[in-house]
């Protein structure tokens, strides 16, 4: 991977803390900075994706009818049919359902 050197000004306290953290993690200062930057940028991206998902639910709240129909009612109907079929299978096998 090609790299570009970037100069960043840090306080003495921050450099000291960075050096201690790098030593604790057995990394170079540069490697730790790259790792921490990726973590921060990934966190920002995940937060943005989460906000987009939440905005979708604000626009089309869960449980409301859409072009797919009433998915809640369809799921409930499928659930009830499955339970009735399982009860019938148990009776056919000689077992009483609860």
Protein backbone atom coordinates (compact mmCIF):
# COMPACT_ATOMS: atom_id res chain seq x y z
CA UNK A 1 0.00 0.00 0.00
CA UNK A 2 1.41 3.37 -0.96
CA UNK A 3 1.84 5.79 1.90
CA UNK A 4 2.13 9.53 2.15
CA UNK A 5 4.01 11.15 4.96
CA UNK A 6 1.95 13.72 6.83
CA UNK A 7 3.29 16.14 9.39
CA UNK A 8 1.06 16.63 12.43
CA UNK A 9 1.80 18.90 15.37
CA UNK A 10 1.13 17.35 18.79
CA UNK A 11 1.64 18.59 22.31
CA UNK A 12 4.44 17.08 24.39
CA UNK A 13 1.85 15.49 26.70
CA UNK A 14 0.05 13.88 23.77
CA UNK A 15 3.30 12.53 22.32
CA UNK A 16 4.21 11.09 25.73
CA UNK A 17 0.81 9.42 26.06
CA UNK A 18 1.07 8.14 22.49
CA UNK A 19 4.52 6.68 23.11
CA UNK A 20 3.33 4.92 26.29
CA UNK A 21 0.30 3.49 24.49
CA UNK A 22 2.43 2.37 21.55
CA UNK A 23 4.89 0.63 23.89
CA UNK A 24 2.02 -1.05 25.80
CA UNK A 25 0.64 -2.37 22.50
CA UNK A 26 4.05 -3.27 21.11
CA UNK A 27 3.56 -0.97 18.11
CA UNK A 28 5.45 1.93 16.63
CA UNK A 29 4.09 5.41 17.14
CA UNK A 30 3.16 5.61 13.44
CA UNK A 31 1.44 2.22 13.46
CA UNK A 32 -0.61 3.19 16.52
CA UNK A 33 -1.62 6.51 14.95
CA UNK A 34 -2.76 4.69 11.78
CA UNK A 35 -4.68 2.13 13.87
CA UNK A 36 -6.41 4.79 15.98
CA UNK A 37 -7.32 6.83 12.91
CA UNK A 38 -8.90 3.79 11.22
CA UNK A 39 -10.88 3.03 14.39
CA UNK A 40 -12.16 6.61 14.60
CA UNK A 41 -13.05 6.78 10.90
CA UNK A 42 -14.75 3.37 11.01
CA UNK A 43 -16.75 4.45 14.03
CA UNK A 44 -17.87 7.59 12.18
CA UNK A 45 -18.92 5.48 9.18
CA UNK A 46 -20.86 3.03 11.36
CA UNK A 47 -22.61 5.92 13.10
CA UNK A 48 -23.57 7.42 9.71
CA UNK A 49 -24.95 4.08 8.51
CA UNK A 50 -26.93 3.72 11.74
CA UNK A 51 -28.39 7.19 11.23
CA UNK A 52 -29.39 6.31 7.66
CA UNK A 53 -31.16 3.18 8.93
CA UNK A 54 -32.94 5.20 11.64
CA UNK A 55 -33.99 7.80 9.05
CA UNK A 56 -35.46 5.03 6.92
CA UNK A 57 -37.55 3.85 9.87
CA UNK A 58 -38.67 7.45 10.53
CA UNK A 59 -39.78 7.76 6.90
CA UNK A 60 -41.46 4.34 6.82
CA UNK A 61 -42.12 3.19 10.40
CA UNK A 62 -41.92 -0.52 11.05
CA UNK A 63 -45.30 -2.22 10.92
CA UNK A 64 -46.88 0.19 8.46
CA UNK A 65 -48.17 -1.12 5.16
CA UNK A 66 -45.90 -0.61 2.20
CA UNK A 67 -45.61 -2.00 -1.33
CA UNK A 68 -45.04 -5.45 0.20
CA UNK A 69 -48.37 -5.29 2.06
CA UNK A 70 -48.92 -5.83 5.78
CA UNK A 71 -45.85 -7.89 6.67
CA UNK A 72 -46.81 -8.06 10.36
CA UNK A 73 -50.15 -9.68 9.56
CA UNK A 74 -48.54 -12.03 7.04
CA UNK A 75 -45.96 -13.13 9.60
CA UNK A 76 -48.62 -13.64 12.27
CA UNK A 77 -50.78 -15.65 9.86
CA UNK A 78 -47.81 -17.82 8.93
CA UNK A 79 -47.01 -18.34 12.59
CA UNK A 80 -50.56 -19.45 13.38
CA UNK A 81 -50.65 -21.82 10.38
CA UNK A 82 -47.36 -23.37 11.45
CA UNK A 83 -48.62 -23.94 15.00
CA UNK A 84 -51.84 -25.54 13.73
CA UNK A 85 -49.86 -27.80 11.40
CA UNK A 86 -47.52 -28.85 14.23
CA UNK A 87 -50.49 -29.61 16.48
CA UNK A 88 -52.02 -31.77 13.70
CA UNK A 89 -48.73 -33.62 13.23
CA UNK A 90 -48.51 -34.33 16.97
CA UNK A 91 -52.10 -35.64 17.05
CA UNK A 92 -51.41 -37.82 13.99
CA UNK A 93 -48.38 -39.25 15.82
CA UNK A 94 -50.58 -40.08 18.83
CA UNK A 95 -49.49 -37.16 21.02
CA UNK A 96 -51.77 -34.57 22.50
CA UNK A 97 -50.56 -31.03 22.01
CA UNK A 98 -50.19 -29.07 25.19
